[in-house]
Amino acid sequence: MRPPVRQVILFVSTAVITVSGYLLVRSILESKGAASITFELYAALLGVILTALITFALLSKQTQAELNKEESIKFLDLKISVYTELINQVQDIMTKAEITDIDMIEIRLLNQKITYVASVDVLEAFNRFADAFARKARKEKITDNDMDDLLLRLSDVSLAVREDLLSSRESKEIREKVRERLLSSNKYLDLE
């Protein structure tokens, strides 16, 4: 990974100033006619310049880290709002007595919306749900087994969303436990 141009320029300028300062102080020390106050002034000036450059470099990195943090927080908020909207709209569609062509269009539009923020796993899970939804919507009547299958696929979407939002904070063991609990709750609530 290449360092940014700004960091390279800062490093080079610090090196040049350090070497130049060293050579200047050395030449002052070697000349016997220079007053000791001159040496102290040059050394102080060199120290101030080096301190300013190092402080600038540290503050620059800190500012970039804060900007990255703020960007991550805003993106996470956007993800949460898109995923919440997804679940709410799917809930509205699935609780209707009859599935219409407009519902099919809504599912397609939801797929487009989540593409902005979703991970590949979320998109794949939602596409499996959308495929099953489209096949079952073509039937005259959706059976309880069909609804159970759709809810199971929606559970896969929920799990993928959870992993997308919390993947860096949860161990694989915890993710498996959550999956087991969700699937077991689906079994308890199966429509019969």
C-alpha atoms as a PDB file:
ATOM      1  CA  MET A   1       0.000   0.000   0.000  1.00  0.00           C
ATOM      2  CA  ARG A   2       1.511   3.319  -1.064  1.00  0.00           C
ATOM      3  CA  PRO A   3       1.694   6.090   1.524  1.00  0.00           C
ATOM      4  CA  PRO A   4      -0.179   9.276   0.628  1.00  0.00           C
ATOM      5  CA  VAL A   5       1.819  11.989  -1.120  1.00  0.00           C
ATOM      6  CA  ARG A   6       1.293  14.340   1.815  1.00  0.00           C
ATOM      7  CA  GLN A   7       3.022  11.927   4.211  1.00  0.00           C
ATOM      8  CA  VAL A   8       5.936  11.436   1.829  1.00  0.00           C
ATOM      9  CA  ILE A   9       6.396  15.197   1.464  1.00  0.00           C
ATOM     10  CA  LEU A  10       6.253  15.631   5.232  1.00  0.00           C
ATOM     11  CA  PHE A  11       8.802  12.864   5.786  1.00  0.00           C
ATOM     12  CA  VAL A  12      11.180  14.230   3.154  1.00  0.00           C
ATOM     13  CA  SER A  13      10.927  17.792   4.462  1.00  0.00           C
ATOM     14  CA  THR A  14      11.578  16.601   8.031  1.00  0.00           C
ATOM     15  CA  ALA A  15      14.627  14.658   6.850  1.00  0.00           C
ATOM     16  CA  VAL A  16      15.966  17.629   4.861  1.00  0.00           C
ATOM     17  CA  ILE A  17      15.485  20.034   7.787  1.00  0.00           C
ATOM     18  CA  THR A  18      17.101  17.595  10.217  1.00  0.00           C
ATOM     19  CA  VAL A  19      20.149  17.023   8.010  1.00  0.00           C
ATOM     20  CA  SER A  20      20.449  20.725   7.193  1.00  0.00           C
ATOM     21  CA  GLY A  21      20.183  21.618  10.865  1.00  0.00           C
ATOM     22  CA  TYR A  22      22.795  19.059  11.793  1.00  0.00           C
ATOM     23  CA  LEU A  23      25.199  20.379   9.168  1.00  0.00           C
ATOM     24  CA  LEU A  24      24.547  23.975  10.249  1.00  0.00           C
ATOM     25  CA  VAL A  25      25.133  23.234  13.935  1.00  0.00           C
ATOM     26  CA  ARG A  26      28.254  21.244  13.074  1.00  0.00           C
ATOM     27  CA  SER A  27      29.664  24.072  10.961  1.00  0.00           C
ATOM     28  CA  ILE A  28      28.965  26.546  13.779  1.00  0.00           C
ATOM     29  CA  LEU A  29      30.730  24.310  16.292  1.00  0.00           C
ATOM     30  CA  GLU A  30      33.745  23.906  14.028  1.00  0.00           C
ATOM     31  CA  SER A  31      34.138  27.631  13.441  1.00  0.00           C
ATOM     32  CA  LYS A  32      36.009  29.089  16.380  1.00  0.00           C
ATOM     33  CA  GLY A  33      34.848  32.639  15.762  1.00  0.00           C
ATOM     34  CA  ALA A  34      31.146  32.002  16.391  1.00  0.00           C
ATOM     35  CA  ALA A  35      29.670  33.094  19.688  1.00  0.00           C
ATOM     36  CA  SER A  36      28.035  30.463  21.878  1.00  0.00           C
ATOM     37  CA  ILE A  37      24.766  32.407  21.736  1.00  0.00           C
ATOM     38  CA  THR A  38      24.638  31.867  17.976  1.00  0.00           C
ATOM     39  CA  PHE A  39      24.935  28.130  18.447  1.00  0.00           C
ATOM     40  CA  GLU A  40      22.134  28.139  21.047  1.00  0.00           C
ATOM     41  CA  LEU A  41      19.846  30.205  18.791  1.00  0.00           C
ATOM     42  CA  TYR A  42      20.344  27.874  15.842  1.00  0.00           C
ATOM     43  CA  ALA A  43      19.788  24.808  18.021  1.00  0.00           C
ATOM     44  CA  ALA A  44      16.587  26.316  19.463  1.00  0.00           C
ATOM     45  CA  LEU A  45      15.328  27.244  15.997  1.00  0.00           C
ATOM     46  CA  LEU A  46      16.030  23.739  14.734  1.00  0.00           C
ATOM     47  CA  GLY A  47      14.206  22.261  17.733  1.00  0.00           C
ATOM     48  CA  VAL A  48      11.159  24.472  17.132  1.00  0.00           C
ATOM     49  CA  ILE A  49      10.977  23.524  13.470  1.00  0.00           C
ATOM     50  CA  LEU A  50      11.296  19.792  14.165  1.00  0.00           C
ATOM     51  CA  THR A  51       8.709  19.989  16.945  1.00  0.00           C
ATOM     52  CA  ALA A  52       6.286  21.819  14.640  1.00  0.00           C
ATOM     53  CA  LEU A  53       6.724  19.253  11.863  1.00  0.00           C
ATOM     54  CA  ILE A  54       6.237  16.287  14.191  1.00  0.00           C
ATOM     55  CA  THR A  55       3.173  17.917  15.786  1.00  0.00           C
ATOM     56  CA  PHE A  56       1.732  18.622  12.337  1.00  0.00           C
ATOM     57  CA  ALA A  57       2.226  14.992  11.307  1.00  0.00           C
ATOM     58  CA  LEU A  58       0.582  13.652  14.469  1.00  0.00           C
ATOM     59  CA  LEU A  59      -2.383  16.033  14.248  1.00  0.00           C
ATOM     60  CA  SER A  60      -2.845  15.184  10.584  1.00  0.00           C
ATOM     61  CA  LYS A  61      -3.091  11.462  11.366  1.00  0.00           C
ATOM     62  CA  GLN A  62      -5.433  12.099  14.285  1.00  0.00           C
ATOM     63  CA  THR A  63      -7.728  14.226  12.119  1.00  0.00           C
ATOM     64  CA  GLN A  64      -7.824  11.542   9.423  1.00  0.00           C
ATOM     65  CA  ALA A  65      -8.646   8.873  12.014  1.00  0.00           C
ATOM     66  CA  GLU A  66     -11.503  10.997  13.375  1.00  0.00           C
ATOM     67  CA  LEU A  67     -12.876  11.580   9.878  1.00  0.00           C
ATOM     68  CA  ASN A  68     -12.758   7.841   9.144  1.00  0.00           C
ATOM     69  CA  LYS A  69     -14.537   7.124  12.423  1.00  0.00           C
ATOM     70  CA  GLU A  70     -17.274   9.656  11.660  1.00  0.00           C
ATOM     71  CA  GLU A  71     -17.715   8.220   8.164  1.00  0.00           C
ATOM     72  CA  SER A  72     -18.023   4.695   9.570  1.00  0.00           C
ATOM     73  CA  ILE A  73     -20.658   5.808  12.070  1.00  0.00           C
ATOM     74  CA  LYS A  74     -22.724   7.537   9.398  1.00  0.00           C
ATOM     75  CA  PHE A  75     -22.494   4.514   7.096  1.00  0.00           C
ATOM     76  CA  LEU A  76     -23.575   2.204   9.917  1.00  0.00           C
ATOM     77  CA  ASP A  77     -26.559   4.491  10.634  1.00  0.00           C
ATOM     78  CA  LEU A  78     -27.478   4.388   6.943  1.00  0.00           C
ATOM     79  CA  LYS A  79     -27.241   0.583   6.919  1.00  0.00           C
ATOM     80  CA  ILE A  80     -29.466   0.297   9.970  1.00  0.00           C
ATOM     81  CA  SER A  81     -32.120   2.593   8.488  1.00  0.00           C
ATOM     82  CA  VAL A  82     -32.114   0.737   5.144  1.00  0.00           C
ATOM     83  CA  TYR A  83     -32.314  -2.661   6.845  1.00  0.00           C
ATOM     84  CA  THR A  84     -35.119  -1.462   9.148  1.00  0.00           C
ATOM     85  CA  GLU A  85     -37.045  -0.191   6.142  1.00  0.00           C
ATOM     86  CA  LEU A  86     -36.459  -3.538   4.425  1.00  0.00           C
ATOM     87  CA  ILE A  87     -37.921  -5.541   7.295  1.00  0.00           C
ATOM     88  CA  ASN A  88     -40.870  -3.156   7.681  1.00  0.00           C
ATOM     89  CA  GLN A  89     -41.773  -3.309   3.995  1.00  0.00           C
ATOM     90  CA  VAL A  90     -41.410  -7.084   3.826  1.00  0.00           C
ATOM     91  CA  GLN A  91     -43.640  -7.319   6.904  1.00  0.00           C
ATOM     92  CA  ASP A  92     -46.286  -5.168   5.193  1.00  0.00           C
ATOM     93  CA  ILE A  93     -46.173  -7.300   2.055  1.00  0.00           C
ATOM     94  CA  MET A  94     -46.258 -10.647   3.840  1.00  0.00           C
ATOM     95  CA  THR A  95     -49.133  -9.768   6.165  1.00  0.00           C
ATOM     96  CA  LYS A  96     -51.455  -8.913   3.285  1.00  0.00           C
ATOM     97  CA  ALA A  97     -54.151 -11.386   2.419  1.00  0.00           C
ATOM     98  CA  GLU A  98     -53.299 -11.272  -1.268  1.00  0.00           C
ATOM     99  CA  ILE A  99     -50.026 -10.699  -3.116  1.00  0.00           C
ATOM    100  CA  THR A 100     -50.332  -8.271  -6.024  1.00  0.00           C
ATOM    101  CA  ASP A 101     -48.078  -7.181  -8.869  1.00  0.00           C
ATOM    102  CA  ILE A 102     -47.304  -4.037  -6.876  1.00  0.00           C
ATOM    103  CA  ASP A 103     -45.905  -6.242  -4.112  1.00  0.00           C
ATOM    104  CA  MET A 104     -43.613  -7.873  -6.648  1.00  0.00           C
ATOM    105  CA  ILE A 105     -42.397  -4.445  -7.766  1.00  0.00           C
ATOM    106  CA  GLU A 106     -41.809  -3.468  -4.128  1.00  0.00           C
ATOM    107  CA  ILE A 107     -39.637  -6.552  -3.608  1.00  0.00           C
ATOM    108  CA  ARG A 108     -37.581  -5.613  -6.674  1.00  0.00           C
ATOM    109  CA  LEU A 109     -37.208  -2.039  -5.431  1.00  0.00           C
ATOM    110  CA  LEU A 110     -36.150  -3.274  -2.007  1.00  0.00           C
ATOM    111  CA  ASN A 111     -33.432  -5.289  -3.692  1.00  0.00           C
ATOM    112  CA  GLN A 112     -32.230  -2.116  -5.395  1.00  0.00           C
ATOM    113  CA  LYS A 113     -32.253  -0.136  -2.130  1.00  0.00           C
ATOM    114  CA  ILE A 114     -30.252  -2.637  -0.141  1.00  0.00           C
ATOM    115  CA  THR A 115     -27.657  -2.853  -2.898  1.00  0.00           C
ATOM    116  CA  TYR A 116     -26.339   0.523  -1.705  1.00  0.00           C
ATOM    117  CA  VAL A 117     -25.275  -0.736   1.699  1.00  0.00           C
ATOM    118  CA  ALA A 118     -25.650  -4.510   1.958  1.00  0.00           C
ATOM    119  CA  SER A 119     -22.921  -7.073   2.077  1.00  0.00           C
ATOM    120  CA  VAL A 120     -22.784  -9.846  -0.507  1.00  0.00           C
ATOM    121  CA  ASP A 121     -24.247 -12.311   2.011  1.00  0.00           C
ATOM    122  CA  VAL A 122     -27.266 -10.062   2.632  1.00  0.00           C
ATOM    123  CA  LEU A 123     -27.848  -9.634  -1.090  1.00  0.00           C
ATOM    124  CA  GLU A 124     -27.625 -13.380  -1.699  1.00  0.00           C
ATOM    125  CA  ALA A 125     -30.019 -14.159   1.178  1.00  0.00           C
ATOM    126  CA  PHE A 126     -32.485 -11.521   0.002  1.00  0.00           C
ATOM    127  CA  ASN A 127     -32.297 -12.795  -3.572  1.00  0.00           C
ATOM    128  CA  ARG A 128     -33.136 -16.307  -2.348  1.00  0.00           C
ATOM    129  CA  PHE A 129     -36.084 -14.841  -0.432  1.00  0.00           C
ATOM    130  CA  ALA A 130     -37.211 -12.816  -3.470  1.00  0.00           C
ATOM    131  CA  ASP A 131     -36.957 -15.893  -5.712  1.00  0.00           C
ATOM    132  CA  ALA A 132     -39.065 -17.981  -3.326  1.00  0.00           C
ATOM    133  CA  PHE A 133     -41.499 -15.106  -2.883  1.00  0.00           C
ATOM    134  CA  ALA A 134     -41.929 -14.715  -6.652  1.00  0.00           C
ATOM    135  CA  ARG A 135     -42.528 -18.454  -7.163  1.00  0.00           C
ATOM    136  CA  LYS A 136     -45.078 -18.627  -4.358  1.00  0.00           C
ATOM    137  CA  ALA A 137     -46.815 -15.415  -5.382  1.00  0.00           C
ATOM    138  CA  ARG A 138     -47.663 -16.947  -8.751  1.00  0.00           C
ATOM    139  CA  LYS A 139     -49.778 -19.578  -7.022  1.00  0.00           C
ATOM    140  CA  GLU A 140     -53.468 -18.989  -6.567  1.00  0.00           C
ATOM    141  CA  LYS A 141     -53.276 -19.601  -2.857  1.00  0.00           C
ATOM    142  CA  ILE A 142     -50.272 -19.499  -0.546  1.00  0.00           C
ATOM    143  CA  THR A 143     -50.343 -22.441   1.848  1.00  0.00           C
ATOM    144  CA  ASP A 144     -49.086 -22.513   5.405  1.00  0.00           C
ATOM    145  CA  ASN A 145     -46.046 -24.474   4.232  1.00  0.00           C
ATOM    146  CA  ASP A 146     -45.323 -21.779   1.647  1.00  0.00           C
ATOM    147  CA  MET A 147     -45.525 -19.105   4.334  1.00  0.00           C
ATOM    148  CA  ASP A 148     -43.243 -21.148   6.609  1.00  0.00           C
ATOM    149  CA  ASP A 149     -40.717 -21.449   3.786  1.00  0.00           C
ATOM    150  CA  LEU A 150     -40.848 -17.685   3.129  1.00  0.00           C
ATOM    151  CA  LEU A 151     -40.398 -16.925   6.821  1.00  0.00           C
ATOM    152  CA  LEU A 152     -37.447 -19.299   6.966  1.00  0.00           C
ATOM    153  CA  ARG A 153     -35.840 -17.511   4.026  1.00  0.00           C
ATOM    154  CA  LEU A 154     -36.579 -14.190   5.687  1.00  0.00           C
ATOM    155  CA  SER A 155     -34.796 -15.524   8.773  1.00  0.00           C
ATOM    156  CA  ASP A 156     -31.744 -16.111   6.595  1.00  0.00           C
ATOM    157  CA  VAL A 157     -31.967 -12.470   5.489  1.00  0.00           C
ATOM    158  CA  SER A 158     -32.210 -11.335   9.127  1.00  0.00           C
ATOM    159  CA  LEU A 159     -29.180 -13.394  10.090  1.00  0.00           C
ATOM    160  CA  ALA A 160     -27.181 -12.044   7.165  1.00  0.00           C
ATOM    161  CA  VAL A 161     -28.138  -8.481   8.163  1.00  0.00           C
ATOM    162  CA  ARG A 162     -27.088  -9.142  11.740  1.00  0.00           C
ATOM    163  CA  GLU A 163     -23.749 -10.541  10.618  1.00  0.00           C
ATOM    164  CA  ASP A 164     -23.255  -7.563   8.317  1.00  0.00           C
ATOM    165  CA  LEU A 165     -23.872  -5.119  11.156  1.00  0.00           C
ATOM    166  CA  LEU A 166     -21.986  -6.975  13.891  1.00  0.00           C
ATOM    167  CA  SER A 167     -19.482  -9.156  12.035  1.00  0.00           C
ATOM    168  CA  SER A 168     -16.404  -7.566  13.529  1.00  0.00           C
ATOM    169  CA  ARG A 169     -17.751  -7.753  17.085  1.00  0.00           C
ATOM    170  CA  GLU A 170     -19.134 -11.266  17.338  1.00  0.00           C
ATOM    171  CA  SER A 171     -17.365 -14.569  17.320  1.00  0.00           C
ATOM    172  CA  LYS A 172     -18.400 -17.366  15.010  1.00  0.00           C
ATOM    173  CA  GLU A 173     -19.633 -19.323  18.027  1.00  0.00           C
ATOM    174  CA  ILE A 174     -22.068 -16.541  19.026  1.00  0.00           C
ATOM    175  CA  ARG A 175     -23.312 -16.188  15.444  1.00  0.00           C
ATOM    176  CA  GLU A 176     -24.062 -19.930  15.362  1.00  0.00           C
ATOM    177  CA  LYS A 177     -25.960 -19.732  18.645  1.00  0.00           C
ATOM    178  CA  VAL A 178     -28.079 -16.846  17.351  1.00  0.00           C
ATOM    179  CA  ARG A 179     -28.819 -18.803  14.184  1.00  0.00           C
ATOM    180  CA  GLU A 180     -29.876 -21.863  16.196  1.00  0.00           C
ATOM    181  CA  ARG A 181     -32.178 -19.762  18.412  1.00  0.00           C
ATOM    182  CA  LEU A 182     -33.795 -18.054  15.441  1.00  0.00           C
ATOM    183  CA  LEU A 183     -34.418 -21.312  13.605  1.00  0.00           C
ATOM    184  CA  SER A 184     -35.805 -22.959  16.732  1.00  0.00           C
ATOM    185  CA  SER A 185     -38.186 -20.035  17.294  1.00  0.00           C
ATOM    186  CA  ASN A 186     -39.347 -20.435  13.677  1.00  0.00           C
ATOM    187  CA  LYS A 187     -40.195 -24.074  14.404  1.00  0.00           C
ATOM    188  CA  TYR A 188     -42.187 -23.132  17.486  1.00  0.00           C
ATOM    189  CA  LEU A 189     -44.168 -20.564  15.527  1.00  0.00           C
ATOM    190  CA  ASP A 190     -44.799 -22.617  12.367  1.00  0.00           C
ATOM    191  CA  LEU A 191     -48.214 -22.081  10.873  1.00  0.00           C
ATOM    192  CA  GLU A 192     -50.324 -25.216  10.925  1.00  0.00           C
END
